[in-house]
């Protein structure tokens, strides 16, 4: 899941070298944290959060194939 989020985020931003994706396993499921440069935050979130919602939908679809719960956090 980490690789999937990283590929999507790097294709959206102007500074792909500053994209950092981390994973943490908790009792709630797998938490994937995405950090980007402050200037690229708007590109990752999108108008009214549409791009962030789309990223979460793609990751959720990929996770359902593995019967896992994945939470995507944008920091």
N, C-alpha and C. Protein backbone atom coordinates (compact mmCIF):
# COMPACT_ATOMS: atom_id res chain seq x y z
N UNK A 1 0.82 -1.19 0.00
CA UNK A 1 0.00 0.00 0.00
C UNK A 1 0.87 1.26 0.00
N UNK A 2 1.99 1.16 0.67
CA UNK A 2 2.90 2.30 0.74
C UNK A 2 3.35 2.71 -0.66
N UNK A 3 3.70 1.74 -1.48
CA UNK A 3 4.17 2.04 -2.83
C UNK A 3 3.07 2.67 -3.68
N UNK A 4 1.85 2.18 -3.52
CA UNK A 4 0.73 2.71 -4.28
C UNK A 4 0.49 4.18 -3.96
N UNK A 5 0.45 4.52 -2.67
CA UNK A 5 0.24 5.91 -2.25
C UNK A 5 1.39 6.79 -2.73
N UNK A 6 2.61 6.27 -2.65
CA UNK A 6 3.79 7.03 -3.06
C UNK A 6 3.76 7.34 -4.56
N UNK A 7 3.40 6.38 -5.38
CA UNK A 7 3.33 6.60 -6.83
C UNK A 7 2.26 7.63 -7.17
N UNK A 8 1.10 7.51 -6.55
CA UNK A 8 0.02 8.47 -6.82
C UNK A 8 0.43 9.87 -6.40
N UNK A 9 0.99 10.01 -5.20
CA UNK A 9 1.36 11.33 -4.68
C UNK A 9 2.47 11.97 -5.52
N UNK A 10 3.47 11.19 -5.89
CA UNK A 10 4.58 11.75 -6.67
C UNK A 10 4.14 12.21 -8.05
N UNK A 11 3.10 11.59 -8.60
CA UNK A 11 2.61 12.01 -9.91
C UNK A 11 1.79 13.29 -9.82
N UNK A 12 1.33 13.65 -8.63
CA UNK A 12 0.50 14.85 -8.47
C UNK A 12 1.28 16.12 -8.13
N UNK A 13 2.40 15.98 -7.43
CA UNK A 13 3.09 17.14 -6.86
C UNK A 13 4.19 17.68 -7.77
N UNK A 14 4.63 18.92 -7.46
CA UNK A 14 5.73 19.55 -8.18
C UNK A 14 7.09 19.13 -7.63
N UNK A 15 7.13 18.77 -6.34
CA UNK A 15 8.39 18.38 -5.70
C UNK A 15 8.30 16.91 -5.25
N UNK A 16 8.45 15.97 -6.17
CA UNK A 16 8.28 14.55 -5.81
C UNK A 16 9.34 14.03 -4.84
N UNK A 17 10.48 14.71 -4.74
CA UNK A 17 11.53 14.26 -3.82
C UNK A 17 11.13 14.47 -2.36
N UNK A 18 10.16 15.34 -2.10
CA UNK A 18 9.75 15.65 -0.73
C UNK A 18 8.55 14.82 -0.28
N UNK A 19 8.13 13.88 -1.09
CA UNK A 19 7.02 13.00 -0.70
C UNK A 19 7.56 11.91 0.22
N UNK A 20 6.95 11.78 1.40
CA UNK A 20 7.35 10.76 2.37
C UNK A 20 6.10 9.98 2.76
N UNK A 21 6.17 8.66 2.61
CA UNK A 21 5.05 7.79 2.95
C UNK A 21 5.54 6.78 3.99
N UNK A 22 4.80 6.66 5.10
CA UNK A 22 5.15 5.70 6.14
C UNK A 22 3.94 4.83 6.45
N UNK A 23 4.21 3.62 6.91
CA UNK A 23 3.16 2.68 7.29
C UNK A 23 3.30 2.33 8.76
N UNK A 24 2.14 2.14 9.41
CA UNK A 24 2.14 1.72 10.81
C UNK A 24 0.97 0.76 11.01
N UNK A 25 1.26 -0.39 11.56
CA UNK A 25 0.22 -1.39 11.82
C UNK A 25 -0.35 -1.16 13.21
N UNK A 26 -1.68 -1.00 13.30
CA UNK A 26 -2.35 -0.82 14.58
C UNK A 26 -3.50 -1.81 14.67
N UNK A 27 -4.20 -1.78 15.81
CA UNK A 27 -5.35 -2.67 15.95
C UNK A 27 -6.51 -2.25 15.04
N UNK A 28 -6.54 -0.99 14.62
CA UNK A 28 -7.57 -0.50 13.70
C UNK A 28 -7.30 -0.97 12.27
N UNK A 29 -6.05 -1.23 11.97
CA UNK A 29 -5.65 -1.63 10.62
C UNK A 29 -4.33 -0.98 10.27
N UNK A 30 -4.03 -0.95 8.99
CA UNK A 30 -2.79 -0.36 8.51
C UNK A 30 -3.01 1.13 8.29
N UNK A 31 -2.18 1.96 8.91
CA UNK A 31 -2.27 3.41 8.74
C UNK A 31 -1.13 3.84 7.83
N UNK A 32 -1.48 4.46 6.71
CA UNK A 32 -0.50 4.98 5.76
C UNK A 32 -0.50 6.49 5.88
N UNK A 33 0.64 7.07 6.27
CA UNK A 33 0.75 8.52 6.43
C UNK A 33 1.49 9.11 5.24
N UNK A 34 0.94 10.16 4.70
CA UNK A 34 1.51 10.83 3.53
C UNK A 34 1.91 12.25 3.92
N UNK A 35 3.17 12.58 3.67
CA UNK A 35 3.67 13.94 3.92
C UNK A 35 4.22 14.49 2.62
N UNK A 36 3.82 15.73 2.30
CA UNK A 36 4.32 16.41 1.10
C UNK A 36 4.79 17.80 1.49
N UNK A 37 5.45 18.47 0.56
CA UNK A 37 5.89 19.84 0.80
C UNK A 37 4.66 20.73 1.01
N UNK A 38 4.78 21.75 1.86
CA UNK A 38 3.63 22.64 2.11
C UNK A 38 3.07 23.27 0.82
N UNK A 39 3.93 23.53 -0.14
CA UNK A 39 3.45 24.14 -1.39
C UNK A 39 2.64 23.16 -2.24
N UNK A 40 2.80 21.86 -2.00
CA UNK A 40 2.09 20.84 -2.76
C UNK A 40 0.85 20.30 -2.04
N UNK A 41 0.58 20.79 -0.86
CA UNK A 41 -0.53 20.26 -0.07
C UNK A 41 -1.86 20.41 -0.80
N UNK A 42 -2.08 21.53 -1.44
CA UNK A 42 -3.32 21.76 -2.18
C UNK A 42 -3.51 20.81 -3.34
N UNK A 43 -2.43 20.42 -3.97
CA UNK A 43 -2.51 19.49 -5.11
C UNK A 43 -2.90 18.09 -4.65
N UNK A 44 -2.48 17.71 -3.45
CA UNK A 44 -2.79 16.39 -2.94
C UNK A 44 -4.22 16.34 -2.37
N UNK A 45 -4.67 17.44 -1.78
CA UNK A 45 -6.01 17.46 -1.19
C UNK A 45 -7.06 17.75 -2.25
N UNK A 46 -6.80 18.72 -3.11
CA UNK A 46 -7.76 19.06 -4.16
C UNK A 46 -8.90 19.93 -3.66
N UNK A 47 -9.70 20.40 -4.59
CA UNK A 47 -10.84 21.24 -4.24
C UNK A 47 -11.86 20.41 -3.47
N UNK A 48 -12.22 20.89 -2.32
CA UNK A 48 -13.18 20.24 -1.42
C UNK A 48 -12.77 18.80 -1.09
N UNK A 49 -11.46 18.52 -1.14
CA UNK A 49 -10.94 17.22 -0.75
C UNK A 49 -11.18 16.11 -1.75
N UNK A 50 -11.47 16.47 -2.98
CA UNK A 50 -11.81 15.44 -3.97
C UNK A 50 -10.65 14.52 -4.30
N UNK A 51 -9.45 15.06 -4.44
CA UNK A 51 -8.29 14.22 -4.78
C UNK A 51 -7.93 13.33 -3.60
N UNK A 52 -7.97 13.87 -2.39
CA UNK A 52 -7.70 13.06 -1.20
C UNK A 52 -8.70 11.92 -1.10
N UNK A 53 -9.95 12.20 -1.38
CA UNK A 53 -10.99 11.17 -1.34
C UNK A 53 -10.74 10.11 -2.41
N UNK A 54 -10.29 10.53 -3.58
CA UNK A 54 -10.00 9.59 -4.66
C UNK A 54 -8.82 8.69 -4.30
N UNK A 55 -7.79 9.27 -3.68
CA UNK A 55 -6.64 8.47 -3.24
C UNK A 55 -7.10 7.41 -2.24
N UNK A 56 -7.92 7.83 -1.29
CA UNK A 56 -8.42 6.88 -0.28
C UNK A 56 -9.26 5.78 -0.92
N UNK A 57 -10.05 6.14 -1.94
CA UNK A 57 -10.88 5.14 -2.61
C UNK A 57 -10.05 4.11 -3.34
N UNK A 58 -9.00 4.55 -4.02
CA UNK A 58 -8.12 3.63 -4.75
C UNK A 58 -7.41 2.69 -3.77
N UNK A 59 -6.93 3.24 -2.67
CA UNK A 59 -6.23 2.42 -1.67
C UNK A 59 -7.20 1.43 -1.02
N UNK A 60 -8.41 1.89 -0.76
CA UNK A 60 -9.42 1.01 -0.15
C UNK A 60 -9.75 -0.15 -1.09
N UNK A 61 -9.85 0.13 -2.38
CA UNK A 61 -10.12 -0.93 -3.36
C UNK A 61 -8.97 -1.93 -3.41
N UNK A 62 -7.75 -1.44 -3.39
CA UNK A 62 -6.58 -2.33 -3.41
C UNK A 62 -6.51 -3.15 -2.12
N UNK A 63 -6.87 -2.55 -1.00
CA UNK A 63 -6.81 -3.25 0.29
C UNK A 63 -7.90 -4.31 0.39
N UNK A 64 -9.02 -4.09 -0.25
CA UNK A 64 -10.12 -5.06 -0.16
C UNK A 64 -9.75 -6.38 -0.84
N UNK A 65 -8.84 -6.32 -1.79
CA UNK A 65 -8.38 -7.55 -2.44
C UNK A 65 -7.59 -8.41 -1.47
N UNK A 66 -7.00 -7.79 -0.46
CA UNK A 66 -6.20 -8.51 0.53
C UNK A 66 -6.95 -8.67 1.85
N UNK A 67 -8.22 -8.29 1.91
CA UNK A 67 -9.02 -8.33 3.14
C UNK A 67 -8.33 -7.58 4.29
N UNK A 68 -7.89 -6.37 4.00
CA UNK A 68 -7.23 -5.53 5.01
C UNK A 68 -7.96 -4.20 5.10
N UNK A 69 -7.84 -3.58 6.25
CA UNK A 69 -8.37 -2.23 6.42
C UNK A 69 -7.18 -1.27 6.40
N UNK A 70 -7.25 -0.29 5.51
CA UNK A 70 -6.16 0.67 5.36
C UNK A 70 -6.73 2.08 5.54
N UNK A 71 -6.06 2.87 6.36
CA UNK A 71 -6.45 4.26 6.60
C UNK A 71 -5.35 5.14 6.03
N UNK A 72 -5.72 6.10 5.18
CA UNK A 72 -4.75 7.02 4.60
C UNK A 72 -4.88 8.36 5.31
N UNK A 73 -3.77 8.81 5.90
CA UNK A 73 -3.74 10.12 6.57
C UNK A 73 -2.80 11.04 5.79
N UNK A 74 -3.27 12.25 5.55
CA UNK A 74 -2.45 13.25 4.87
C UNK A 74 -2.04 14.28 5.92
N UNK A 75 -0.73 14.42 6.13
CA UNK A 75 -0.23 15.31 7.17
C UNK A 75 0.39 16.55 6.56
